[in-house]
Amino acid sequence: MFYVKNVPTWERILRIVMGVVALVFAVMNWSTSGLAVGAGIMGAMLAMTGLVGFCPMCAMVGRKLDKGH
């Protein structure tokens, strides 16, 4: 792999759930709310970082997983 996972399992699950909720909100309100575009982008990013296990913003601030050592 080209990256080191920096998001713990519990947070990955939370990111996926929140991302799907945001995407559903965006789809349901796409034509009526300007907020839907932002929610869609945020939801897609949350879901992707949850699925992959790597968050670029967390890596920029130096976050690393505790391996239990």
PDB file of N, CA and C in Angstrom:
ATOM      1  N   MET A   1       0.828  -1.188   0.000  1.00  0.00           N
ATOM      2  CA  MET A   1       0.000   0.000   0.000  1.00  0.00           C
ATOM      3  C   MET A   1       0.871   1.249   0.000  1.00  0.00           C
ATOM      4  N   PHE A   2       0.310   2.313  -0.507  1.00  0.00           N
ATOM      5  CA  PHE A   2       1.042   3.563  -0.603  1.00  0.00           C
ATOM      6  C   PHE A   2       0.785   4.482   0.581  1.00  0.00           C
ATOM      7  N   TYR A   3      -0.063   4.078   1.494  1.00  0.00           N
ATOM      8  CA  TYR A   3      -0.415   4.920   2.627  1.00  0.00           C
ATOM      9  C   TYR A   3      -0.545   4.053   3.870  1.00  0.00           C
ATOM     10  N   VAL A   4      -0.457   4.690   5.022  1.00  0.00           N
ATOM     11  CA  VAL A   4      -0.633   4.005   6.289  1.00  0.00           C
ATOM     12  C   VAL A   4      -1.983   4.424   6.852  1.00  0.00           C
ATOM     13  N   LYS A   5      -2.801   3.474   7.223  1.00  0.00           N
ATOM     14  CA  LYS A   5      -4.117   3.799   7.758  1.00  0.00           C
ATOM     15  C   LYS A   5      -3.968   4.633   9.024  1.00  0.00           C
ATOM     16  N   ASN A   6      -4.724   5.713   9.106  1.00  0.00           N
ATOM     17  CA  ASN A   6      -4.647   6.578  10.280  1.00  0.00           C
ATOM     18  C   ASN A   6      -6.022   6.840  10.891  1.00  0.00           C
ATOM     19  N   VAL A   7      -7.012   6.013  10.549  1.00  0.00           N
ATOM     20  CA  VAL A   7      -8.352   6.146  11.104  1.00  0.00           C
ATOM     21  C   VAL A   7      -8.709   4.821  11.777  1.00  0.00           C
ATOM     22  N   PRO A   8      -9.014   4.836  13.088  1.00  0.00           N
ATOM     23  CA  PRO A   8      -9.353   3.593  13.782  1.00  0.00           C
ATOM     24  C   PRO A   8     -10.684   3.018  13.292  1.00  0.00           C
ATOM     25  N   THR A   9     -10.908   1.748  13.582  1.00  0.00           N
ATOM     26  CA  THR A   9     -12.083   1.028  13.088  1.00  0.00           C
ATOM     27  C   THR A   9     -13.387   1.682  13.512  1.00  0.00           C
ATOM     28  N   TRP A  10     -13.506   2.084  14.781  1.00  0.00           N
ATOM     29  CA  TRP A  10     -14.754   2.686  15.247  1.00  0.00           C
ATOM     30  C   TRP A  10     -15.045   3.986  14.496  1.00  0.00           C
ATOM     31  N   GLU A  11     -14.001   4.741  14.198  1.00  0.00           N
ATOM     32  CA  GLU A  11     -14.186   5.999  13.479  1.00  0.00           C
ATOM     33  C   GLU A  11     -14.491   5.745  12.002  1.00  0.00           C
ATOM     34  N   ARG A  12     -13.940   4.685  11.443  1.00  0.00           N
ATOM     35  CA  ARG A  12     -14.240   4.327  10.057  1.00  0.00           C
ATOM     36  C   ARG A  12     -15.722   4.015   9.906  1.00  0.00           C
ATOM     37  N   ILE A  13     -16.275   3.249  10.836  1.00  0.00           N
ATOM     38  CA  ILE A  13     -17.694   2.909  10.798  1.00  0.00           C
ATOM     39  C   ILE A  13     -18.536   4.167  10.931  1.00  0.00           C
ATOM     40  N   LEU A  14     -18.165   5.043  11.853  1.00  0.00           N
ATOM     41  CA  LEU A  14     -18.894   6.297  12.055  1.00  0.00           C
ATOM     42  C   LEU A  14     -18.834   7.178  10.813  1.00  0.00           C
ATOM     43  N   ARG A  15     -17.683   7.253  10.175  1.00  0.00           N
ATOM     44  CA  ARG A  15     -17.531   8.056   8.959  1.00  0.00           C
ATOM     45  C   ARG A  15     -18.394   7.505   7.817  1.00  0.00           C
ATOM     46  N   ILE A  16     -18.450   6.193   7.680  1.00  0.00           N
ATOM     47  CA  ILE A  16     -19.262   5.589   6.624  1.00  0.00           C
ATOM     48  C   ILE A  16     -20.744   5.876   6.864  1.00  0.00           C
ATOM     49  N   VAL A  17     -21.201   5.694   8.098  1.00  0.00           N
ATOM     50  CA  VAL A  17     -22.612   5.937   8.418  1.00  0.00           C
ATOM     51  C   VAL A  17     -22.964   7.403   8.191  1.00  0.00           C
ATOM     52  N   MET A  18     -22.141   8.312   8.701  1.00  0.00           N
ATOM     53  CA  MET A  18     -22.422   9.737   8.525  1.00  0.00           C
ATOM     54  C   MET A  18     -22.344  10.145   7.055  1.00  0.00           C
ATOM     55  N   GLY A  19     -21.432   9.559   6.315  1.00  0.00           N
ATOM     56  CA  GLY A  19     -21.309   9.857   4.890  1.00  0.00           C
ATOM     57  C   GLY A  19     -22.530   9.418   4.111  1.00  0.00           C
ATOM     58  N   VAL A  20     -23.040   8.229   4.424  1.00  0.00           N
ATOM     59  CA  VAL A  20     -24.233   7.741   3.735  1.00  0.00           C
ATOM     60  C   VAL A  20     -25.436   8.612   4.085  1.00  0.00           C
ATOM     61  N   VAL A  21     -25.565   9.013   5.352  1.00  0.00           N
ATOM     62  CA  VAL A  21     -26.670   9.888   5.749  1.00  0.00           C
ATOM     63  C   VAL A  21     -26.592  11.218   5.004  1.00  0.00           C
ATOM     64  N   ALA A  22     -25.407  11.792   4.902  1.00  0.00           N
ATOM     65  CA  ALA A  22     -25.242  13.058   4.192  1.00  0.00           C
ATOM     66  C   ALA A  22     -25.550  12.901   2.703  1.00  0.00           C
ATOM     67  N   LEU A  23     -25.152  11.787   2.110  1.00  0.00           N
ATOM     68  CA  LEU A  23     -25.452  11.549   0.697  1.00  0.00           C
ATOM     69  C   LEU A  23     -26.952  11.380   0.460  1.00  0.00           C
ATOM     70  N   VAL A  24     -27.628  10.693   1.372  1.00  0.00           N
ATOM     71  CA  VAL A  24     -29.079  10.534   1.246  1.00  0.00           C
ATOM     72  C   VAL A  24     -29.759  11.897   1.355  1.00  0.00           C
ATOM     73  N   PHE A  25     -29.311  12.719   2.306  1.00  0.00           N
ATOM     74  CA  PHE A  25     -29.863  14.071   2.431  1.00  0.00           C
ATOM     75  C   PHE A  25     -29.649  14.861   1.142  1.00  0.00           C
ATOM     76  N   ALA A  26     -28.472  14.748   0.577  1.00  0.00           N
ATOM     77  CA  ALA A  26     -28.161  15.485  -0.648  1.00  0.00           C
ATOM     78  C   ALA A  26     -29.045  15.036  -1.808  1.00  0.00           C
ATOM     79  N   VAL A  27     -29.240  13.746  -1.942  1.00  0.00           N
ATOM     80  CA  VAL A  27     -30.071  13.243  -3.031  1.00  0.00           C
ATOM     81  C   VAL A  27     -31.519  13.682  -2.858  1.00  0.00           C
ATOM     82  N   MET A  28     -32.017  13.647  -1.633  1.00  0.00           N
ATOM     83  CA  MET A  28     -33.416  14.000  -1.379  1.00  0.00           C
ATOM     84  C   MET A  28     -33.684  15.497  -1.559  1.00  0.00           C
ATOM     85  N   ASN A  29     -32.685  16.341  -1.347  1.00  0.00           N
ATOM     86  CA  ASN A  29     -32.878  17.788  -1.382  1.00  0.00           C
ATOM     87  C   ASN A  29     -32.081  18.480  -2.478  1.00  0.00           C
ATOM     88  N   TRP A  30     -31.643  17.749  -3.487  1.00  0.00           N
ATOM     89  CA  TRP A  30     -30.751  18.305  -4.501  1.00  0.00           C
ATOM     90  C   TRP A  30     -31.340  19.530  -5.200  1.00  0.00           C
ATOM     91  N   SER A  31     -32.603  19.484  -5.576  1.00  0.00           N
ATOM     92  CA  SER A  31     -33.175  20.589  -6.343  1.00  0.00           C
ATOM     93  C   SER A  31     -33.759  21.689  -5.469  1.00  0.00           C
ATOM     94  N   THR A  32     -33.911  21.467  -4.177  1.00  0.00           N
ATOM     95  CA  THR A  32     -34.561  22.457  -3.324  1.00  0.00           C
ATOM     96  C   THR A  32     -33.611  23.191  -2.386  1.00  0.00           C
ATOM     97  N   SER A  33     -32.434  22.670  -2.151  1.00  0.00           N
ATOM     98  CA  SER A  33     -31.550  23.267  -1.152  1.00  0.00           C
ATOM     99  C   SER A  33     -30.135  23.423  -1.688  1.00  0.00           C
ATOM    100  N   GLY A  34     -29.569  24.608  -1.481  1.00  0.00           N
ATOM    101  CA  GLY A  34     -28.175  24.828  -1.848  1.00  0.00           C
ATOM    102  C   GLY A  34     -27.231  24.078  -0.927  1.00  0.00           C
ATOM    103  N   LEU A  35     -27.720  23.752   0.257  1.00  0.00           N
ATOM    104  CA  LEU A  35     -26.931  23.001   1.226  1.00  0.00           C
ATOM    105  C   LEU A  35     -26.688  21.565   0.757  1.00  0.00           C
ATOM    106  N   ALA A  36     -27.525  21.082  -0.133  1.00  0.00           N
ATOM    107  CA  ALA A  36     -27.426  19.693  -0.584  1.00  0.00           C
ATOM    108  C   ALA A  36     -26.118  19.420  -1.317  1.00  0.00           C
ATOM    109  N   VAL A  37     -25.622  20.380  -2.062  1.00  0.00           N
ATOM    110  CA  VAL A  37     -24.353  20.177  -2.780  1.00  0.00           C
ATOM    111  C   VAL A  37     -23.211  20.000  -1.779  1.00  0.00           C
ATOM    112  N   GLY A  38     -23.170  20.867  -0.789  1.00  0.00           N
ATOM    113  CA  GLY A  38     -22.137  20.753   0.245  1.00  0.00           C
ATOM    114  C   GLY A  38     -22.256  19.458   1.032  1.00  0.00           C
ATOM    115  N   ALA A  39     -23.489  19.074   1.343  1.00  0.00           N
ATOM    116  CA  ALA A  39     -23.707  17.819   2.069  1.00  0.00           C
ATOM    117  C   ALA A  39     -23.278  16.623   1.224  1.00  0.00           C
ATOM    118  N   GLY A  40     -23.527  16.695  -0.079  1.00  0.00           N
ATOM    119  CA  GLY A  40     -23.117  15.607  -0.961  1.00  0.00           C
ATOM    120  C   GLY A  40     -21.613  15.461  -1.038  1.00  0.00           C
ATOM    121  N   ILE A  41     -20.925  16.576  -1.156  1.00  0.00           N
ATOM    122  CA  ILE A  41     -19.455  16.541  -1.200  1.00  0.00           C
ATOM    123  C   ILE A  41     -18.890  16.039   0.122  1.00  0.00           C
ATOM    124  N   MET A  42     -19.416  16.575   1.233  1.00  0.00           N
ATOM    125  CA  MET A  42     -18.958  16.142   2.550  1.00  0.00           C
ATOM    126  C   MET A  42     -19.240  14.657   2.766  1.00  0.00           C
ATOM    127  N   GLY A  43     -20.432  14.208   2.370  1.00  0.00           N
ATOM    128  CA  GLY A  43     -20.789  12.804   2.537  1.00  0.00           C
ATOM    129  C   GLY A  43     -19.898  11.879   1.733  1.00  0.00           C
ATOM    130  N   ALA A  44     -19.596  12.278   0.517  1.00  0.00           N
ATOM    131  CA  ALA A  44     -18.720  11.457  -0.319  1.00  0.00           C
ATOM    132  C   ALA A  44     -17.319  11.363   0.279  1.00  0.00           C
ATOM    133  N   MET A  45     -16.817  12.479   0.777  1.00  0.00           N
ATOM    134  CA  MET A  45     -15.470  12.465   1.379  1.00  0.00           C
ATOM    135  C   MET A  45     -15.446  11.634   2.662  1.00  0.00           C
ATOM    136  N   LEU A  46     -16.474  11.781   3.498  1.00  0.00           N
ATOM    137  CA  LEU A  46     -16.530  10.994   4.725  1.00  0.00           C
ATOM    138  C   LEU A  46     -16.605   9.502   4.422  1.00  0.00           C
ATOM    139  N   ALA A  47     -17.464   9.144   3.480  1.00  0.00           N
ATOM    140  CA  ALA A  47     -17.613   7.730   3.139  1.00  0.00           C
ATOM    141  C   ALA A  47     -16.315   7.156   2.565  1.00  0.00           C
ATOM    142  N   MET A  48     -15.647   7.913   1.707  1.00  0.00           N
ATOM    143  CA  MET A  48     -14.400   7.417   1.111  1.00  0.00           C
ATOM    144  C   MET A  48     -13.290   7.257   2.149  1.00  0.00           C
ATOM    145  N   THR A  49     -13.135   8.241   3.046  1.00  0.00           N
ATOM    146  CA  THR A  49     -12.092   8.101   4.063  1.00  0.00           C
ATOM    147  C   THR A  49     -12.418   6.956   5.013  1.00  0.00           C
ATOM    148  N   GLY A  50     -13.707   6.711   5.240  1.00  0.00           N
ATOM    149  CA  GLY A  50     -14.094   5.579   6.074  1.00  0.00           C
ATOM    150  C   GLY A  50     -13.815   4.249   5.394  1.00  0.00           C
ATOM    151  N   LEU A  51     -14.100   4.155   4.117  1.00  0.00           N
ATOM    152  CA  LEU A  51     -13.867   2.909   3.385  1.00  0.00           C
ATOM    153  C   LEU A  51     -12.383   2.609   3.233  1.00  0.00           C
ATOM    154  N   VAL A  52     -11.592   3.636   2.962  1.00  0.00           N
ATOM    155  CA  VAL A  52     -10.166   3.453   2.716  1.00  0.00           C
ATOM    156  C   VAL A  52      -9.373   3.352   4.021  1.00  0.00           C
ATOM    157  N   GLY A  53      -9.798   4.080   5.053  1.00  0.00           N
ATOM    158  CA  GLY A  53      -9.091   4.056   6.332  1.00  0.00           C
ATOM    159  C   GLY A  53      -7.976   5.075   6.420  1.00  0.00           C
ATOM    160  N   PHE A  54      -7.909   5.961   5.466  1.00  0.00           N
ATOM    161  CA  PHE A  54      -6.867   6.989   5.454  1.00  0.00           C
ATOM    162  C   PHE A  54      -7.525   8.344   5.267  1.00  0.00           C
ATOM    163  N   CYS A  55      -7.154   9.305   6.120  1.00  0.00           N
ATOM    164  CA  CYS A  55      -7.671  10.662   6.026  1.00  0.00           C
ATOM    165  C   CYS A  55      -6.491  11.605   5.778  1.00  0.00           C
ATOM    166  N   PRO A  56      -6.453  12.270   4.626  1.00  0.00           N
ATOM    167  CA  PRO A  56      -5.335  13.165   4.324  1.00  0.00           C
ATOM    168  C   PRO A  56      -5.193  14.314   5.324  1.00  0.00           C
ATOM    169  N   MET A  57      -6.310  14.846   5.801  1.00  0.00           N
ATOM    170  CA  MET A  57      -6.240  15.943   6.770  1.00  0.00           C
ATOM    171  C   MET A  57      -5.633  15.470   8.090  1.00  0.00           C
ATOM    172  N   CYS A  58      -5.985  14.264   8.515  1.00  0.00           N
ATOM    173  CA  CYS A  58      -5.397  13.713   9.738  1.00  0.00           C
ATOM    174  C   CYS A  58      -3.901  13.469   9.554  1.00  0.00           C
ATOM    175  N   ALA A  59      -3.510  13.049   8.365  1.00  0.00           N
ATOM    176  CA  ALA A  59      -2.100  12.812   8.093  1.00  0.00           C
ATOM    177  C   ALA A  59      -1.311  14.125   8.104  1.00  0.00           C
ATOM    178  N   MET A  60      -1.946  15.209   7.627  1.00  0.00           N
ATOM    179  CA  MET A  60      -1.254  16.503   7.603  1.00  0.00           C
ATOM    180  C   MET A  60      -0.947  17.021   9.002  1.00  0.00           C
ATOM    181  N   VAL A  61      -1.785  16.682   9.979  1.00  0.00           N
ATOM    182  CA  VAL A  61      -1.520  17.138  11.346  1.00  0.00           C
ATOM    183  C   VAL A  61      -0.739  16.105  12.149  1.00  0.00           C
ATOM    184  N   GLY A  62      -0.353  14.986  11.513  1.00  0.00           N
ATOM    185  CA  GLY A  62       0.522  14.021  12.142  1.00  0.00           C
ATOM    186  C   GLY A  62      -0.186  12.931  12.922  1.00  0.00           C
ATOM    187  N   ARG A  63      -1.445  12.685  12.676  1.00  0.00           N
ATOM    188  CA  ARG A  63      -2.190  11.655  13.389  1.00  0.00           C
ATOM    189  C   ARG A  63      -1.757  10.272  12.916  1.00  0.00           C
ATOM    190  N   LYS A  64      -1.505   9.384  13.879  1.00  0.00           N
ATOM    191  CA  LYS A  64      -1.123   8.004  13.573  1.00  0.00           C
ATOM    192  C   LYS A  64      -1.927   7.074  14.465  1.00  0.00           C
ATOM    193  N   LEU A  65      -2.173   5.864  13.987  1.00  0.00           N
ATOM    194  CA  LEU A  65      -2.871   4.876  14.786  1.00  0.00           C
ATOM    195  C   LEU A  65      -1.961   4.337  15.863  1.00  0.00           C
ATOM    196  N   ASP A  66      -2.516   4.131  17.038  1.00  0.00           N
ATOM    197  CA  ASP A  66      -1.776   3.502  18.118  1.00  0.00           C
ATOM    198  C   ASP A  66      -1.855   2.003  17.908  1.00  0.00           C
ATOM    199  N   LYS A  67      -0.724   1.388  17.649  1.00  0.00           N
ATOM    200  CA  LYS A  67      -0.685  -0.043  17.354  1.00  0.00           C
ATOM    201  C   LYS A  67      -0.734  -0.897  18.627  1.00  0.00           C
ATOM    202  N   GLY A  68      -0.848  -0.265  19.794  1.00  0.00           N
ATOM    203  CA  GLY A  68      -0.896  -1.009  21.044  1.00  0.00           C
ATOM    204  C   GLY A  68       0.476  -1.365  21.583  1.00  0.00           C
ATOM    205  N   HIS A  69       1.514  -0.679  21.130  1.00  0.00           N
ATOM    206  CA  HIS A  69       2.881  -0.961  21.571  1.00  0.00           C
ATOM    207  C   HIS A  69       3.223  -0.105  22.755  1.00  0.00           C
TER     208      HIS A  69
END
